[in-house]
């Protein structure tokens, strides 16, 4: 289950990058964690826990149980994913529609030959520059 949530988060972060705010720096990850910690879910997760999850597990190389104590292994990925999902959900979608989009993207990514990645990145940049991104931060 945690692996699936990690994959969801990777796709969410890639979507955030497509929308023009690439989380390529530590400061960007802190900002994403800060925004997500202020989500309307009011779940028991801190900005620091979300940041640690993003930087060390979802986008890093560490395992969940090497980063968090036993009680956090179940809640941190779930709460972080919920907060991120609601925070970055596009205005025109309900959260469950956005989750479906993330799942669809994950399935397509699993089947995609990585040699097409440069062409996909060019297409994404063109799409963003011609349409402009729209995502919301729900606080």
N, C-alpha and C. Protein backbone atom coordinates (compact mmCIF):
# COMPACT_ATOMS: atom_id res chain seq x y z
N UNK A 1 0.82 -1.19 0.00
CA UNK A 1 0.00 0.00 0.00
C UNK A 1 0.87 1.26 0.00
N UNK A 2 1.90 1.32 0.83
CA UNK A 2 2.76 2.50 0.89
C UNK A 2 3.46 2.73 -0.44
N UNK A 3 3.82 1.65 -1.14
CA UNK A 3 4.46 1.80 -2.44
C UNK A 3 3.51 2.45 -3.44
N UNK A 4 2.25 2.08 -3.42
CA UNK A 4 1.26 2.69 -4.32
C UNK A 4 1.07 4.16 -3.98
N UNK A 5 1.06 4.50 -2.70
CA UNK A 5 0.92 5.89 -2.31
C UNK A 5 2.15 6.69 -2.72
N UNK A 6 3.31 6.08 -2.62
CA UNK A 6 4.53 6.75 -3.06
C UNK A 6 4.46 7.03 -4.54
N UNK A 7 3.98 6.06 -5.33
CA UNK A 7 3.84 6.26 -6.77
C UNK A 7 2.83 7.38 -7.05
N UNK A 8 1.75 7.45 -6.29
CA UNK A 8 0.78 8.52 -6.46
C UNK A 8 1.45 9.87 -6.25
N UNK A 9 2.22 9.94 -5.21
CA UNK A 9 2.87 11.19 -4.86
C UNK A 9 3.88 11.59 -5.93
N UNK A 10 4.62 10.63 -6.48
CA UNK A 10 5.55 10.94 -7.55
C UNK A 10 4.82 11.56 -8.73
N UNK A 11 3.69 10.99 -9.08
CA UNK A 11 2.91 11.53 -10.19
C UNK A 11 2.38 12.92 -9.84
N UNK A 12 1.95 13.11 -8.60
CA UNK A 12 1.46 14.41 -8.17
C UNK A 12 2.57 15.45 -8.25
N UNK A 13 3.75 15.09 -7.84
CA UNK A 13 4.88 16.02 -7.90
C UNK A 13 5.21 16.32 -9.35
N UNK A 14 5.15 15.30 -10.22
CA UNK A 14 5.39 15.54 -11.65
C UNK A 14 4.32 16.47 -12.22
N UNK A 15 3.07 16.31 -11.77
CA UNK A 15 2.02 17.21 -12.22
C UNK A 15 2.31 18.63 -11.75
N UNK A 16 2.76 18.77 -10.52
CA UNK A 16 3.10 20.08 -9.99
C UNK A 16 4.22 20.70 -10.84
N UNK A 17 5.19 19.88 -11.24
CA UNK A 17 6.26 20.37 -12.09
C UNK A 17 5.70 20.84 -13.43
N UNK A 18 4.78 20.08 -13.98
CA UNK A 18 4.17 20.44 -15.26
C UNK A 18 3.43 21.77 -15.15
N UNK A 19 2.87 22.03 -13.98
CA UNK A 19 2.12 23.26 -13.78
C UNK A 19 3.04 24.46 -13.58
N UNK A 20 4.35 24.25 -13.62
CA UNK A 20 5.25 25.38 -13.59
C UNK A 20 5.98 25.62 -12.29
N UNK A 21 5.84 24.74 -11.32
CA UNK A 21 6.56 24.93 -10.06
C UNK A 21 7.35 23.67 -9.72
N UNK A 22 8.41 23.45 -10.49
CA UNK A 22 9.22 22.25 -10.35
C UNK A 22 9.80 22.11 -8.95
N UNK A 23 9.51 20.98 -8.28
CA UNK A 23 10.03 20.78 -6.93
C UNK A 23 11.46 20.26 -6.96
N UNK A 24 12.34 20.96 -7.68
CA UNK A 24 13.69 20.46 -7.87
C UNK A 24 14.65 20.87 -6.76
N UNK A 25 14.25 21.80 -5.93
CA UNK A 25 15.15 22.23 -4.86
C UNK A 25 14.54 21.92 -3.51
N UNK A 26 15.39 21.95 -2.52
CA UNK A 26 14.96 21.72 -1.15
C UNK A 26 13.92 22.76 -0.73
N UNK A 27 14.13 24.00 -1.14
CA UNK A 27 13.17 25.07 -0.80
C UNK A 27 11.81 24.79 -1.41
N UNK A 28 11.80 24.26 -2.64
CA UNK A 28 10.53 23.94 -3.29
C UNK A 28 9.80 22.83 -2.53
N UNK A 29 10.54 21.83 -2.09
CA UNK A 29 9.91 20.74 -1.32
C UNK A 29 9.37 21.26 0.00
N UNK A 30 10.10 22.17 0.64
CA UNK A 30 9.60 22.77 1.88
C UNK A 30 8.31 23.55 1.62
N UNK A 31 8.26 24.27 0.51
CA UNK A 31 7.06 25.04 0.18
C UNK A 31 5.87 24.10 -0.09
N UNK A 32 6.11 23.02 -0.82
CA UNK A 32 5.06 22.05 -1.09
C UNK A 32 4.57 21.45 0.23
N UNK A 33 5.50 21.09 1.11
CA UNK A 33 5.13 20.51 2.40
C UNK A 33 4.35 21.51 3.24
N UNK A 34 4.78 22.78 3.21
CA UNK A 34 4.08 23.81 3.96
C UNK A 34 2.65 23.97 3.46
N UNK A 35 2.48 24.05 2.15
CA UNK A 35 1.13 24.17 1.58
C UNK A 35 0.27 22.97 1.95
N UNK A 36 0.83 21.79 1.84
CA UNK A 36 0.07 20.57 2.12
C UNK A 36 -0.29 20.47 3.61
N UNK A 37 0.59 20.94 4.47
CA UNK A 37 0.31 20.88 5.91
C UNK A 37 -0.85 21.78 6.30
N UNK A 38 -1.15 22.77 5.47
CA UNK A 38 -2.25 23.69 5.74
C UNK A 38 -3.55 23.26 5.07
N UNK A 39 -3.59 22.05 4.58
CA UNK A 39 -4.77 21.54 3.88
C UNK A 39 -5.99 21.51 4.78
N UNK A 40 -7.15 21.54 4.15
CA UNK A 40 -8.42 21.52 4.89
C UNK A 40 -8.69 20.17 5.56
N UNK A 41 -7.89 19.17 5.32
CA UNK A 41 -8.14 17.86 5.93
C UNK A 41 -7.99 17.89 7.44
N UNK A 42 -7.13 18.75 7.95
CA UNK A 42 -6.84 18.85 9.38
C UNK A 42 -6.40 17.50 9.96
N UNK A 43 -5.70 16.72 9.14
CA UNK A 43 -5.16 15.44 9.60
C UNK A 43 -3.93 15.68 10.47
N UNK A 44 -3.62 14.73 11.31
CA UNK A 44 -2.52 14.86 12.24
C UNK A 44 -1.17 14.62 11.61
N UNK A 45 -0.75 15.55 10.73
CA UNK A 45 0.56 15.45 10.10
C UNK A 45 1.17 16.85 10.02
N UNK A 46 2.47 16.92 10.28
CA UNK A 46 3.14 18.21 10.30
C UNK A 46 3.83 18.49 8.96
N UNK A 47 4.18 19.75 8.78
CA UNK A 47 4.94 20.14 7.60
C UNK A 47 6.25 19.35 7.53
N UNK A 48 6.91 19.19 8.67
CA UNK A 48 8.18 18.47 8.69
C UNK A 48 8.01 17.00 8.29
N UNK A 49 6.94 16.36 8.74
CA UNK A 49 6.69 14.96 8.35
C UNK A 49 6.43 14.85 6.86
N UNK A 50 5.66 15.78 6.32
CA UNK A 50 5.40 15.77 4.88
C UNK A 50 6.69 16.00 4.13
N UNK A 51 7.49 16.95 4.57
CA UNK A 51 8.78 17.22 3.93
C UNK A 51 9.68 15.98 3.96
N UNK A 52 9.79 15.35 5.14
CA UNK A 52 10.62 14.15 5.25
C UNK A 52 10.13 13.04 4.32
N UNK A 53 8.82 12.88 4.26
CA UNK A 53 8.25 11.87 3.39
C UNK A 53 8.58 12.17 1.92
N UNK A 54 8.39 13.42 1.52
CA UNK A 54 8.68 13.80 0.14
C UNK A 54 10.16 13.63 -0.20
N UNK A 55 11.01 14.24 0.61
CA UNK A 55 12.43 14.31 0.28
C UNK A 55 13.16 12.98 0.46
N UNK A 56 12.79 12.22 1.46
CA UNK A 56 13.56 11.01 1.77
C UNK A 56 12.96 9.73 1.24
N UNK A 57 11.63 9.67 1.14
CA UNK A 57 10.97 8.43 0.73
C UNK A 57 10.43 8.53 -0.70
N UNK A 58 9.46 9.43 -0.92
CA UNK A 58 8.80 9.52 -2.23
C UNK A 58 9.77 9.89 -3.35
N UNK A 59 10.62 10.87 -3.10
CA UNK A 59 11.56 11.30 -4.12
C UNK A 59 13.00 10.90 -3.81
N UNK A 60 13.19 10.31 -2.65
CA UNK A 60 14.52 9.87 -2.24
C UNK A 60 14.68 8.37 -2.38
N UNK A 61 15.69 7.86 -1.75
CA UNK A 61 16.02 6.44 -1.86
C UNK A 61 15.77 5.65 -0.58
N UNK A 62 15.27 6.32 0.45
CA UNK A 62 15.09 5.65 1.73
C UNK A 62 13.76 4.93 1.82
N UNK A 63 13.72 3.93 2.68
CA UNK A 63 12.48 3.19 2.92
C UNK A 63 11.69 3.86 4.03
N UNK A 64 10.39 3.74 3.93
CA UNK A 64 9.49 4.37 4.88
C UNK A 64 9.84 4.01 6.32
N UNK A 65 10.08 2.72 6.58
CA UNK A 65 10.35 2.30 7.96
C UNK A 65 11.75 2.69 8.45
N UNK A 66 12.61 3.17 7.55
CA UNK A 66 13.90 3.70 7.97
C UNK A 66 13.81 5.18 8.34
N UNK A 67 12.73 5.83 7.93
CA UNK A 67 12.58 7.27 8.17
C UNK A 67 11.63 7.55 9.32
N UNK A 68 10.56 6.76 9.44
CA UNK A 68 9.53 7.03 10.44
C UNK A 68 9.41 5.89 11.45
N UNK A 69 9.01 6.26 12.65
CA UNK A 69 8.75 5.27 13.70
C UNK A 69 7.56 4.41 13.28
N UNK A 70 7.38 3.31 13.97
CA UNK A 70 6.33 2.34 13.62
C UNK A 70 4.95 2.98 13.51
N UNK A 71 4.62 3.90 14.41
CA UNK A 71 3.28 4.52 14.36
C UNK A 71 3.10 5.44 13.16
N UNK A 72 4.19 5.92 12.57
CA UNK A 72 4.09 6.80 11.40
C UNK A 72 4.07 6.07 10.07
N UNK A 73 4.44 4.82 10.07
CA UNK A 73 4.53 4.07 8.82
C UNK A 73 3.18 3.99 8.11
N UNK A 74 2.11 3.85 8.85
CA UNK A 74 0.79 3.76 8.24
C UNK A 74 0.18 5.13 7.99
N UNK A 75 0.38 6.07 8.89
CA UNK A 75 -0.31 7.35 8.78
C UNK A 75 0.39 8.37 7.91
N UNK A 76 1.70 8.45 7.95
CA UNK A 76 2.40 9.50 7.21
C UNK A 76 2.13 9.43 5.71
N UNK A 77 2.31 8.30 5.04
CA UNK A 77 2.02 8.28 3.59
C UNK A 77 0.56 8.59 3.27
N UNK A 78 -0.34 8.06 4.07
CA UNK A 78 -1.77 8.29 3.84
C UNK A 78 -2.13 9.75 4.04
N UNK A 79 -1.72 10.34 5.15
CA UNK A 79 -2.06 11.73 5.45
C UNK A 79 -1.35 12.69 4.50
N UNK A 80 -0.08 12.42 4.21
CA UNK A 80 0.66 13.29 3.27
C UNK A 80 0.00 13.26 1.90
N UNK A 81 -0.34 12.08 1.42
CA UNK A 81 -0.97 11.95 0.11
C UNK A 81 -2.32 12.65 0.08
N UNK A 82 -3.12 12.48 1.13
CA UNK A 82 -4.43 13.14 1.19
C UNK A 82 -4.28 14.65 1.15
N UNK A 83 -3.37 15.18 1.95
CA UNK A 83 -3.16 16.62 1.98
C UNK A 83 -2.65 17.15 0.65
N UNK A 84 -1.70 16.44 0.05
CA UNK A 84 -1.18 16.86 -1.24
C UNK A 84 -2.25 16.81 -2.32
N UNK A 85 -3.04 15.76 -2.29
CA UNK A 85 -4.10 15.60 -3.27
C UNK A 85 -5.09 16.77 -3.20
N UNK A 86 -5.53 17.11 -2.01
CA UNK A 86 -6.48 18.21 -1.87
C UNK A 86 -5.86 19.58 -2.11
N UNK A 87 -4.59 19.72 -1.78
CA UNK A 87 -3.91 21.00 -1.96
C UNK A 87 -3.68 21.32 -3.43
N UNK A 88 -3.31 20.32 -4.23
CA UNK A 88 -2.92 20.57 -5.61
C UNK A 88 -3.95 20.13 -6.64
N UNK A 89 -5.11 19.76 -6.19
CA UNK A 89 -6.18 19.35 -7.10
C UNK A 89 -6.59 20.54 -7.98
N UNK A 90 -6.64 20.36 -9.30
CA UNK A 90 -7.07 21.46 -10.17
C UNK A 90 -8.49 21.92 -9.83
N UNK A 91 -8.76 23.18 -10.04
CA UNK A 91 -10.07 23.77 -9.71
C UNK A 91 -11.23 23.03 -10.36
N UNK A 92 -11.03 22.60 -11.58
CA UNK A 92 -12.13 22.01 -12.34
C UNK A 92 -12.39 20.54 -12.00
N UNK A 93 -11.65 19.96 -11.08
CA UNK A 93 -11.81 18.55 -10.74
C UNK A 93 -12.17 18.37 -9.28
N UNK A 94 -12.90 17.31 -9.03
CA UNK A 94 -13.10 16.85 -7.65
C UNK A 94 -11.87 16.02 -7.29
N UNK A 95 -11.62 15.86 -6.00
CA UNK A 95 -10.41 15.15 -5.58
C UNK A 95 -10.38 13.74 -6.12
N UNK A 96 -11.49 13.04 -6.19
CA UNK A 96 -11.50 11.66 -6.68
C UNK A 96 -11.25 11.60 -8.18
N UNK A 97 -11.63 12.63 -8.92
CA UNK A 97 -11.32 12.68 -10.34
C UNK A 97 -9.82 12.89 -10.53
N UNK A 98 -9.24 13.72 -9.68
CA UNK A 98 -7.81 13.96 -9.75
C UNK A 98 -7.04 12.69 -9.38
N UNK A 99 -7.53 11.97 -8.38
CA UNK A 99 -6.90 10.70 -8.01
C UNK A 99 -6.96 9.72 -9.17
N UNK A 100 -8.10 9.66 -9.86
CA UNK A 100 -8.21 8.80 -11.05
C UNK A 100 -7.20 9.21 -12.11
N UNK A 101 -7.03 10.52 -12.29
CA UNK A 101 -6.05 11.01 -13.27
C UNK A 101 -4.64 10.55 -12.88
N UNK A 102 -4.34 10.64 -11.60
CA UNK A 102 -3.03 10.21 -11.11
C UNK A 102 -2.83 8.72 -11.36
N UNK A 103 -3.85 7.92 -11.04
CA UNK A 103 -3.75 6.47 -11.28
C UNK A 103 -3.55 6.18 -12.75
N UNK A 104 -4.33 6.85 -13.61
CA UNK A 104 -4.20 6.65 -15.05
C UNK A 104 -2.80 6.99 -15.53
N UNK A 105 -2.27 8.10 -15.04
CA UNK A 105 -0.92 8.51 -15.42
C UNK A 105 0.11 7.50 -14.95
N UNK A 106 -0.08 6.95 -13.77
CA UNK A 106 0.84 5.93 -13.25
C UNK A 106 0.82 4.69 -14.13
N UNK A 107 -0.37 4.26 -14.52
CA UNK A 107 -0.48 3.07 -15.38
C UNK A 107 0.15 3.31 -16.74
N UNK A 108 -0.07 4.48 -17.31
CA UNK A 108 0.53 4.81 -18.60
C UNK A 108 2.05 4.87 -18.47
N UNK A 109 2.53 5.48 -17.40
CA UNK A 109 3.98 5.58 -17.18
C UNK A 109 4.62 4.21 -17.06
N UNK A 110 3.93 3.28 -16.41
CA UNK A 110 4.47 1.93 -16.27
C UNK A 110 4.62 1.23 -17.61
N UNK A 111 3.76 1.58 -18.56
CA UNK A 111 3.79 0.92 -19.88
C UNK A 111 4.62 1.68 -20.90
N UNK A 112 5.07 2.88 -20.57
CA UNK A 112 5.76 3.73 -21.53
C UNK A 112 7.24 3.39 -21.60
N UNK A 113 7.74 3.30 -22.83
CA UNK A 113 9.16 3.09 -23.07
C UNK A 113 9.89 4.38 -22.73
N UNK A 114 10.90 4.31 -21.90
CA UNK A 114 11.60 5.51 -21.44
C UNK A 114 12.32 6.27 -22.54
N UNK A 115 12.50 5.66 -23.70
CA UNK A 115 13.15 6.39 -24.79
C UNK A 115 12.29 7.53 -25.32
N UNK A 116 10.99 7.53 -25.01
CA UNK A 116 10.12 8.62 -25.46
C UNK A 116 10.07 9.77 -24.45
N UNK A 117 10.75 9.65 -23.33
CA UNK A 117 10.70 10.67 -22.29
C UNK A 117 11.08 12.06 -22.78
N UNK A 118 12.16 12.24 -23.54
CA UNK A 118 12.47 13.61 -24.00
C UNK A 118 11.34 14.22 -24.83
N UNK A 119 10.72 13.44 -25.68
CA UNK A 119 9.61 13.96 -26.49
C UNK A 119 8.41 14.30 -25.62
N UNK A 120 8.15 13.50 -24.60
CA UNK A 120 7.05 13.79 -23.68
C UNK A 120 7.30 15.07 -22.90
N UNK A 121 8.53 15.29 -22.49
CA UNK A 121 8.86 16.51 -21.74
C UNK A 121 8.67 17.74 -22.62
N UNK A 122 9.07 17.66 -23.88
CA UNK A 122 8.88 18.78 -24.81
C UNK A 122 7.39 19.03 -24.99
N UNK A 123 6.62 17.96 -25.18
CA UNK A 123 5.17 18.11 -25.34
C UNK A 123 4.54 18.75 -24.11
N UNK A 124 4.96 18.33 -22.92
CA UNK A 124 4.41 18.89 -21.68
C UNK A 124 4.73 20.37 -21.57
N UNK A 125 5.95 20.76 -21.88
CA UNK A 125 6.33 22.18 -21.80
C UNK A 125 5.53 23.01 -22.79
N UNK A 126 5.33 22.47 -24.00
CA UNK A 126 4.53 23.20 -24.99
C UNK A 126 3.09 23.33 -24.52
N UNK A 127 2.56 22.27 -23.95
CA UNK A 127 1.18 22.28 -23.47
C UNK A 127 0.99 23.31 -22.38
N UNK A 128 1.93 23.37 -21.43
CA UNK A 128 1.84 24.32 -20.32
C UNK A 128 1.98 25.75 -20.84
N UNK A 129 2.91 25.97 -21.74
CA UNK A 129 3.12 27.33 -22.22
C UNK A 129 1.97 27.82 -23.09
N UNK A 130 1.29 26.92 -23.79
CA UNK A 130 0.17 27.36 -24.63
C UNK A 130 -1.14 27.46 -23.87
N UNK A 131 -1.33 26.62 -22.85
CA UNK A 131 -2.61 26.61 -22.12
C UNK A 131 -2.52 27.30 -20.77
N UNK A 132 -1.35 27.34 -20.20
CA UNK A 132 -1.21 27.90 -18.84
C UNK A 132 -1.76 26.90 -17.84
N UNK A 133 -1.11 26.78 -16.66
CA UNK A 133 -1.56 25.81 -15.65
C UNK A 133 -2.58 26.42 -14.74
N UNK A 134 -3.42 25.51 -14.17
CA UNK A 134 -4.36 25.98 -13.16
C UNK A 134 -4.51 24.92 -12.10
N UNK A 135 -3.93 25.16 -10.97
CA UNK A 135 -4.13 24.28 -9.83
C UNK A 135 -4.40 25.16 -8.64
N UNK A 136 -5.02 24.59 -7.63
CA UNK A 136 -5.39 25.40 -6.48
C UNK A 136 -4.64 24.96 -5.24
N UNK A 137 -4.45 25.88 -4.37
CA UNK A 137 -3.93 25.55 -3.05
C UNK A 137 -5.09 25.74 -2.09
N UNK A 138 -5.51 24.65 -1.49
CA UNK A 138 -6.63 24.70 -0.57
C UNK A 138 -6.08 24.82 0.83
N UNK A 139 -6.45 25.82 1.54
CA UNK A 139 -5.88 26.02 2.87
C UNK A 139 -6.88 25.97 3.94
